[in-house]
PDB file of all heavy atoms in Angstrom:
ATOM      1  N   VAL A   1       0.844  -1.188   0.000  1.00  0.00           N
ATOM      2  CA  VAL A   1       0.000   0.000   0.000  1.00  0.00           C
ATOM      3  C   VAL A   1       0.881   1.240   0.000  1.00  0.00           C
ATOM      4  O   VAL A   1       1.990   1.233   0.559  1.00  0.00           O
ATOM      5  CB  VAL A   1      -0.945   0.016   1.236  1.00  0.00           C
ATOM      6  CG1 VAL A   1      -0.145   0.139   2.526  1.00  0.00           C
ATOM      7  CG2 VAL A   1      -1.950   1.162   1.136  1.00  0.00           C
ATOM      8  N   GLU A   2       0.404   2.285  -0.647  1.00  0.00           N
ATOM      9  CA  GLU A   2       1.094   3.575  -0.678  1.00  0.00           C
ATOM     10  C   GLU A   2       0.096   4.664  -0.314  1.00  0.00           C
ATOM     11  O   GLU A   2      -1.002   4.728  -0.876  1.00  0.00           O
ATOM     12  CB  GLU A   2       1.663   3.850  -2.066  1.00  0.00           C
ATOM     13  CG  GLU A   2       2.340   5.216  -2.182  1.00  0.00           C
ATOM     14  CD  GLU A   2       2.732   5.546  -3.610  1.00  0.00           C
ATOM     15  OE1 GLU A   2       2.472   4.714  -4.509  1.00  0.00           O
ATOM     16  OE2 GLU A   2       3.284   6.641  -3.830  1.00  0.00           O
ATOM     17  N   VAL A   3       0.453   5.509   0.645  1.00  0.00           N
ATOM     18  CA  VAL A   3      -0.401   6.628   1.027  1.00  0.00           C
ATOM     19  C   VAL A   3      -0.194   7.759   0.032  1.00  0.00           C
ATOM     20  O   VAL A   3       0.927   8.275  -0.112  1.00  0.00           O
ATOM     21  CB  VAL A   3      -0.083   7.116   2.461  1.00  0.00           C
ATOM     22  CG1 VAL A   3      -0.992   8.292   2.821  1.00  0.00           C
ATOM     23  CG2 VAL A   3      -0.248   5.982   3.471  1.00  0.00           C
ATOM     24  N   LEU A   4      -1.255   8.162  -0.642  1.00  0.00           N
ATOM     25  CA  LEU A   4      -1.186   9.274  -1.590  1.00  0.00           C
ATOM     26  C   LEU A   4      -1.608  10.587  -0.943  1.00  0.00           C
ATOM     27  O   LEU A   4      -1.125  11.658  -1.324  1.00  0.00           O
ATOM     28  CB  LEU A   4      -2.060   8.981  -2.813  1.00  0.00           C
ATOM     29  CG  LEU A   4      -1.723   7.705  -3.604  1.00  0.00           C
ATOM     30  CD1 LEU A   4      -2.643   7.575  -4.814  1.00  0.00           C
ATOM     31  CD2 LEU A   4      -0.263   7.695  -4.031  1.00  0.00           C
ATOM     32  N   ALA A   5      -2.504  10.528   0.016  1.00  0.00           N
ATOM     33  CA  ALA A   5      -2.981  11.727   0.710  1.00  0.00           C
ATOM     34  C   ALA A   5      -3.593  11.314   2.046  1.00  0.00           C
ATOM     35  O   ALA A   5      -4.091  10.179   2.178  1.00  0.00           O
ATOM     36  CB  ALA A   5      -4.009  12.478  -0.148  1.00  0.00           C
ATOM     37  N   PRO A   6      -3.510  12.209   3.046  1.00  0.00           N
ATOM     38  CA  PRO A   6      -2.892  13.540   3.052  1.00  0.00           C
ATOM     39  C   PRO A   6      -1.369  13.453   3.105  1.00  0.00           C
ATOM     40  O   PRO A   6      -0.813  12.404   3.461  1.00  0.00           O
ATOM     41  CB  PRO A   6      -3.459  14.172   4.331  1.00  0.00           C
ATOM     42  CG  PRO A   6      -3.710  13.011   5.241  1.00  0.00           C
ATOM     43  CD  PRO A   6      -4.153  11.893   4.354  1.00  0.00           C
ATOM     44  N   THR A   7      -0.713  14.537   2.793  1.00  0.00           N
ATOM     45  CA  THR A   7       0.754  14.533   2.687  1.00  0.00           C
ATOM     46  C   THR A   7       1.422  14.242   4.027  1.00  0.00           C
ATOM     47  O   THR A   7       2.448  13.569   4.071  1.00  0.00           O
ATOM     48  CB  THR A   7       1.244  15.876   2.136  1.00  0.00           C
ATOM     49  OG1 THR A   7       0.733  16.941   2.952  1.00  0.00           O
ATOM     50  CG2 THR A   7       0.778  16.080   0.702  1.00  0.00           C
ATOM     51  N   TRP A   8       0.841  14.752   5.131  1.00  0.00           N
ATOM     52  CA  TRP A   8       1.478  14.520   6.438  1.00  0.00           C
ATOM     53  C   TRP A   8       1.428  13.046   6.834  1.00  0.00           C
ATOM     54  O   TRP A   8       2.366  12.523   7.446  1.00  0.00           O
ATOM     55  CB  TRP A   8       0.836  15.389   7.521  1.00  0.00           C
ATOM     56  CG  TRP A   8      -0.608  15.080   7.830  1.00  0.00           C
ATOM     57  CD1 TRP A   8      -1.707  15.712   7.324  1.00  0.00           C
ATOM     58  CD2 TRP A   8      -1.102  14.057   8.702  1.00  0.00           C
ATOM     59  NE1 TRP A   8      -2.862  15.142   7.813  1.00  0.00           N
ATOM     60  CE2 TRP A   8      -2.525  14.134   8.676  1.00  0.00           C
ATOM     61  CE3 TRP A   8      -0.503  13.091   9.494  1.00  0.00           C
ATOM     62  CZ2 TRP A   8      -3.337  13.266   9.422  1.00  0.00           C
ATOM     63  CZ3 TRP A   8      -1.305  12.224  10.235  1.00  0.00           C
ATOM     64  CH2 TRP A   8      -2.706  12.324  10.195  1.00  0.00           C
ATOM     65  N   LEU A   9       0.336  12.357   6.450  1.00  0.00           N
ATOM     66  CA  LEU A   9       0.233  10.930   6.757  1.00  0.00           C
ATOM     67  C   LEU A   9       1.202  10.135   5.875  1.00  0.00           C
ATOM     68  O   LEU A   9       1.836   9.177   6.337  1.00  0.00           O
ATOM     69  CB  LEU A   9      -1.203  10.453   6.548  1.00  0.00           C
ATOM     70  CG  LEU A   9      -1.490   8.987   6.886  1.00  0.00           C
ATOM     71  CD1 LEU A   9      -1.184   8.694   8.348  1.00  0.00           C
ATOM     72  CD2 LEU A   9      -2.943   8.639   6.579  1.00  0.00           C
ATOM     73  N   ARG A  10       1.332  10.542   4.628  1.00  0.00           N
ATOM     74  CA  ARG A  10       2.288   9.892   3.722  1.00  0.00           C
ATOM     75  C   ARG A  10       3.706  10.019   4.278  1.00  0.00           C
ATOM     76  O   ARG A  10       4.461   9.032   4.311  1.00  0.00           O
ATOM     77  CB  ARG A  10       2.203  10.530   2.328  1.00  0.00           C
ATOM     78  CG  ARG A  10       3.235   9.986   1.338  1.00  0.00           C
ATOM     79  CD  ARG A  10       3.149  10.730   0.001  1.00  0.00           C
ATOM     80  NE  ARG A  10       4.206  10.286  -0.892  1.00  0.00           N
ATOM     81  CZ  ARG A  10       4.122   9.249  -1.711  1.00  0.00           C
ATOM     82  NH1 ARG A  10       3.008   8.537  -1.746  1.00  0.00           N
ATOM     83  NH2 ARG A  10       5.128   8.914  -2.498  1.00  0.00           N
ATOM     84  N   ALA A  11       4.054  11.225   4.736  1.00  0.00           N
ATOM     85  CA  ALA A  11       5.392  11.457   5.286  1.00  0.00           C
ATOM     86  C   ALA A  11       5.626  10.626   6.540  1.00  0.00           C
ATOM     87  O   ALA A  11       6.716  10.075   6.741  1.00  0.00           O
ATOM     88  CB  ALA A  11       5.582  12.943   5.574  1.00  0.00           C
ATOM     89  N   GLN A  12       4.603  10.523   7.382  1.00  0.00           N
ATOM     90  CA  GLN A  12       4.745   9.785   8.635  1.00  0.00           C
ATOM     91  C   GLN A  12       4.930   8.290   8.386  1.00  0.00           C
ATOM     92  O   GLN A  12       5.825   7.661   8.965  1.00  0.00           O
ATOM     93  CB  GLN A  12       3.523  10.020   9.523  1.00  0.00           C
ATOM     94  CG  GLN A  12       3.646   9.426  10.906  1.00  0.00           C
ATOM     95  CD  GLN A  12       2.516   9.878  11.820  1.00  0.00           C
ATOM     96  OE1 GLN A  12       1.610  10.593  11.418  1.00  0.00           O
ATOM     97  NE2 GLN A  12       2.576   9.450  13.062  1.00  0.00           N
ATOM     98  N   ILE A  13       4.097   7.718   7.515  1.00  0.00           N
ATOM     99  CA  ILE A  13       4.227   6.297   7.205  1.00  0.00           C
ATOM    100  C   ILE A  13       5.549   6.033   6.487  1.00  0.00           C
ATOM    101  O   ILE A  13       6.243   5.040   6.777  1.00  0.00           O
ATOM    102  CB  ILE A  13       3.046   5.823   6.338  1.00  0.00           C
ATOM    103  CG1 ILE A  13       1.724   5.930   7.130  1.00  0.00           C
ATOM    104  CG2 ILE A  13       3.270   4.390   5.861  1.00  0.00           C
ATOM    105  CD1 ILE A  13       1.644   5.013   8.331  1.00  0.00           C
ATOM    106  N   GLY A  14       5.933   6.925   5.570  1.00  0.00           N
ATOM    107  CA  GLY A  14       7.199   6.759   4.863  1.00  0.00           C
ATOM    108  C   GLY A  14       8.382   6.776   5.797  1.00  0.00           C
ATOM    109  O   GLY A  14       9.319   5.970   5.663  1.00  0.00           O
ATOM    110  N   SER A  15       8.368   7.680   6.769  1.00  0.00           N
ATOM    111  CA  SER A  15       9.453   7.767   7.748  1.00  0.00           C
ATOM    112  C   SER A  15       9.546   6.489   8.575  1.00  0.00           C
ATOM    113  O   SER A  15      10.643   5.980   8.854  1.00  0.00           O
ATOM    114  CB  SER A  15       9.243   8.974   8.656  1.00  0.00           C
ATOM    115  OG  SER A  15      10.233   9.038   9.654  1.00  0.00           O
ATOM    116  N   GLU A  16       8.385   5.952   8.965  1.00  0.00           N
ATOM    117  CA  GLU A  16       8.369   4.715   9.748  1.00  0.00           C
ATOM    118  C   GLU A  16       8.949   3.556   8.943  1.00  0.00           C
ATOM    119  O   GLU A  16       9.727   2.740   9.472  1.00  0.00           O
ATOM    120  CB  GLU A  16       6.944   4.376  10.180  1.00  0.00           C
ATOM    121  CG  GLU A  16       6.382   5.303  11.242  1.00  0.00           C
ATOM    122  CD  GLU A  16       4.975   4.913  11.628  1.00  0.00           C
ATOM    123  OE1 GLU A  16       4.457   3.918  11.071  1.00  0.00           O
ATOM    124  OE2 GLU A  16       4.392   5.598  12.485  1.00  0.00           O
ATOM    125  N   LEU A  17       8.607   3.477   7.667  1.00  0.00           N
ATOM    126  CA  LEU A  17       9.107   2.396   6.822  1.00  0.00           C
ATOM    127  C   LEU A  17      10.618   2.517   6.605  1.00  0.00           C
ATOM    128  O   LEU A  17      11.332   1.506   6.552  1.00  0.00           O
ATOM    129  CB  LEU A  17       8.380   2.401   5.480  1.00  0.00           C
ATOM    130  CG  LEU A  17       6.896   1.991   5.524  1.00  0.00           C
ATOM    131  CD1 LEU A  17       6.247   2.154   4.161  1.00  0.00           C
ATOM    132  CD2 LEU A  17       6.756   0.545   6.002  1.00  0.00           C
ATOM    133  N   GLN A  18      11.107   3.751   6.495  1.00  0.00           N
ATOM    134  CA  GLN A  18      12.548   3.949   6.346  1.00  0.00           C
ATOM    135  C   GLN A  18      13.295   3.488   7.591  1.00  0.00           C
ATOM    136  O   GLN A  18      14.347   2.840   7.490  1.00  0.00           O
ATOM    137  CB  GLN A  18      12.841   5.424   6.054  1.00  0.00           C
ATOM    138  CG  GLN A  18      12.425   5.877   4.665  1.00  0.00           C
ATOM    139  CD  GLN A  18      12.593   7.373   4.462  1.00  0.00           C
ATOM    140  OE1 GLN A  18      13.000   8.089   5.376  1.00  0.00           O
ATOM    141  NE2 GLN A  18      12.287   7.850   3.258  1.00  0.00           N
ATOM    142  N   ARG A  19      12.744   3.804   8.772  1.00  0.00           N
ATOM    143  CA  ARG A  19      13.383   3.370  10.014  1.00  0.00           C
ATOM    144  C   ARG A  19      13.342   1.847  10.141  1.00  0.00           C
ATOM    145  O   ARG A  19      14.300   1.221  10.595  1.00  0.00           O
ATOM    146  CB  ARG A  19      12.698   4.021  11.228  1.00  0.00           C
ATOM    147  CG  ARG A  19      12.889   5.516  11.306  1.00  0.00           C
ATOM    148  CD  ARG A  19      12.590   6.038  12.702  1.00  0.00           C
ATOM    149  NE  ARG A  19      11.236   5.728  13.130  1.00  0.00           N
ATOM    150  CZ  ARG A  19      10.191   6.525  12.905  1.00  0.00           C
ATOM    151  NH1 ARG A  19      10.358   7.670  12.238  1.00  0.00           N
ATOM    152  NH2 ARG A  19       8.986   6.188  13.322  1.00  0.00           N
ATOM    153  N   ALA A  20      12.224   1.268   9.729  1.00  0.00           N
ATOM    154  CA  ALA A  20      12.108  -0.190   9.781  1.00  0.00           C
ATOM    155  C   ALA A  20      13.116  -0.841   8.851  1.00  0.00           C
ATOM    156  O   ALA A  20      13.775  -1.830   9.200  1.00  0.00           O
ATOM    157  CB  ALA A  20      10.690  -0.615   9.414  1.00  0.00           C
ATOM    158  N   ALA A  21      13.258  -0.296   7.627  1.00  0.00           N
ATOM    159  CA  ALA A  21      14.211  -0.842   6.676  1.00  0.00           C
ATOM    160  C   ALA A  21      15.641  -0.732   7.216  1.00  0.00           C
ATOM    161  O   ALA A  21      16.445  -1.653   7.042  1.00  0.00           O
ATOM    162  CB  ALA A  21      14.084  -0.107   5.335  1.00  0.00           C
ATOM    163  N   ALA A  22      15.931   0.378   7.880  1.00  0.00           N
ATOM    164  CA  ALA A  22      17.271   0.556   8.453  1.00  0.00           C
ATOM    165  C   ALA A  22      17.527  -0.464   9.559  1.00  0.00           C
ATOM    166  O   ALA A  22      18.646  -1.006   9.668  1.00  0.00           O
ATOM    167  CB  ALA A  22      17.405   1.978   8.999  1.00  0.00           C
ATOM    168  N   GLN A  23      16.513  -0.749  10.360  1.00  0.00           N
ATOM    169  CA  GLN A  23      16.666  -1.737  11.428  1.00  0.00           C
ATOM    170  C   GLN A  23      16.957  -3.114  10.847  1.00  0.00           C
ATOM    171  O   GLN A  23      17.824  -3.852  11.330  1.00  0.00           O
ATOM    172  CB  GLN A  23      15.411  -1.777  12.286  1.00  0.00           C
ATOM    173  CG  GLN A  23      15.247  -0.567  13.194  1.00  0.00           C
ATOM    174  CD  GLN A  23      13.939  -0.615  13.980  1.00  0.00           C
ATOM    175  OE1 GLN A  23      13.069  -1.394  13.663  1.00  0.00           O
ATOM    176  NE2 GLN A  23      13.836   0.216  14.998  1.00  0.00           N
ATOM    177  N   TYR A  24      16.235  -3.482   9.799  1.00  0.00           N
ATOM    178  CA  TYR A  24      16.450  -4.790   9.190  1.00  0.00           C
ATOM    179  C   TYR A  24      17.831  -4.867   8.536  1.00  0.00           C
ATOM    180  O   TYR A  24      18.502  -5.904   8.554  1.00  0.00           O
ATOM    181  CB  TYR A  24      15.360  -5.090   8.161  1.00  0.00           C
ATOM    182  CG  TYR A  24      14.089  -5.610   8.775  1.00  0.00           C
ATOM    183  CD1 TYR A  24      13.029  -4.763   9.081  1.00  0.00           C
ATOM    184  CD2 TYR A  24      13.937  -6.962   9.075  1.00  0.00           C
ATOM    185  CE1 TYR A  24      11.857  -5.243   9.668  1.00  0.00           C
ATOM    186  CE2 TYR A  24      12.782  -7.453   9.638  1.00  0.00           C
ATOM    187  CZ  TYR A  24      11.752  -6.589   9.928  1.00  0.00           C
ATOM    188  OH  TYR A  24      10.601  -7.080  10.525  1.00  0.00           O
ATOM    189  N   ALA A  25      18.285  -3.739   7.966  1.00  0.00           N
ATOM    190  CA  ALA A  25      19.605  -3.718   7.344  1.00  0.00           C
ATOM    191  C   ALA A  25      20.687  -3.909   8.383  1.00  0.00           C
ATOM    192  O   ALA A  25      21.681  -4.624   8.161  1.00  0.00           O
ATOM    193  CB  ALA A  25      19.801  -2.402   6.587  1.00  0.00           C
ATOM    194  N   GLU A  26      20.535  -3.263   9.544  1.00  0.00           N
ATOM    195  CA  GLU A  26      21.514  -3.391  10.629  1.00  0.00           C
ATOM    196  C   GLU A  26      21.565  -4.818  11.165  1.00  0.00           C
ATOM    197  O   GLU A  26      22.640  -5.351  11.448  1.00  0.00           O
ATOM    198  CB  GLU A  26      21.175  -2.414  11.754  1.00  0.00           C
ATOM    199  CG  GLU A  26      21.359  -0.960  11.360  1.00  0.00           C
ATOM    200  CD  GLU A  26      20.879  -0.012  12.460  1.00  0.00           C
ATOM    201  OE1 GLU A  26      20.392  -0.529  13.479  1.00  0.00           O
ATOM    202  OE2 GLU A  26      20.965   1.213  12.277  1.00  0.00           O
ATOM    203  N   ARG A  27      20.408  -5.436  11.323  1.00  0.00           N
ATOM    204  CA  ARG A  27      20.347  -6.797  11.890  1.00  0.00           C
ATOM    205  C   ARG A  27      20.964  -7.833  10.945  1.00  0.00           C
ATOM    206  O   ARG A  27      21.442  -8.863  11.370  1.00  0.00           O
ATOM    207  CB  ARG A  27      18.897  -7.189  12.186  1.00  0.00           C
ATOM    208  CG  ARG A  27      18.226  -6.314  13.229  1.00  0.00           C
ATOM    209  CD  ARG A  27      18.723  -6.624  14.631  1.00  0.00           C
ATOM    210  NE  ARG A  27      18.113  -5.721  15.597  1.00  0.00           N
ATOM    211  CZ  ARG A  27      16.960  -5.982  16.219  1.00  0.00           C
ATOM    212  NH1 ARG A  27      16.307  -7.087  15.933  1.00  0.00           N
ATOM    213  NH2 ARG A  27      16.468  -5.112  17.096  1.00  0.00           N
ATOM    214  N   SER A  28      20.923  -7.541   9.635  1.00  0.00           N
ATOM    215  CA  SER A  28      21.432  -8.517   8.664  1.00  0.00           C
ATOM    216  C   SER A  28      22.955  -8.491   8.546  1.00  0.00           C
ATOM    217  O   SER A  28      23.548  -9.383   7.950  1.00  0.00           O
ATOM    218  CB  SER A  28      20.811  -8.265   7.292  1.00  0.00           C
ATOM    219  OG  SER A  28      21.201  -6.980   6.806  1.00  0.00           O
TER     220      SER A  28
END
C-alpha cells in the first residue's frame, strides 16, 4: 500500500518504513 494523501500521513508512514528498513539492514 502507498499513502497518496494527506501529505502529512504519507510522510509519517514513509518515515516509519525507512526506520524499519534501516533496522532490518543493521540486523542482517
